[in-house]
Structure formats: C-alpha cells, structure tokens
Amino acid sequence: MLAHAEREAQRECCGLLAGRDGAISEIFSAGNASENPATSYEIAPADLFRMMRAIRAARLDLLGIYHSHPQGDNFPSALDVERAFYPDAAYFVVSPRAKARNPVRAFWIRDAVATELSVETF
C-alpha cells in the first residue's frame, strides 16, 4: 500500500485487501477512476468486479479497502465516510508523506462514524 501511495504521490491511490481469518494476505491495487483523483478515489466498476472475482476464486475474504491522502491527514474525510459502502470491511487510509507519524491507519466506518483500529504489520 505504501509503495502504491508513493508511486501515486500526487493523486489518491486505491485498492482492495483480502485474506482469511482477519489476516490480510493479498493486495489488489486499482487505478483511480475519480474525476478528481487528487482529492478523492473511485475504483471503476469493471475493476471492482474483476478484483472481487479474483478474491472469490482464491477463496479469500474482502477484509479492507485502501486509499491514500497525499496532502492531508490520513483520517477518513467526510466524503470517505459518505462513500463507505462496505460496513464489514476495514478502511485503510495511507499517507505517502515521508514524515507521517502513522503512515497506515485503519478504521471501521459504520453509520457515518469512523472508529480507528489498531494495525499490526509483520
């Protein structure tokens, strides 16, 4: 995720995270199809369907959705909260900035409320 965010430093990157039993094992990077990619993200429907089919074919679960905030804090924006259509997925917000205190943060977004989760990396 961080490498993707660094490659797309001027625009929000995005993708899906999959795995089993709450452990993420696969990252599915997507292109940003938003009309305003510097400030929002959108995964094109065809890409989303392709990635969801790949997740099912690998017998994995959709565990998260990620995107970056190249300029601001990596906390869900009002637009992120409004567009949180998958309440059972964790939403990861990545900061590509070199001095970010917590470059990867994760949140449950349910009923228009973002609750931060702890992130463990291995």
Foldseek 3Di string as FASTA:
>chain_A
DLVQCLVVLQFKWKWWFKAPPLDTDDTGTAGFPDPGRNADGDGPPVSVVVVVVVCVVVVIDTAAMEMENNPDDQDDDLVNLVPPPPQRHKYWYAYNDPPHPDRIWIFRRDPSDTDTDDDDDD
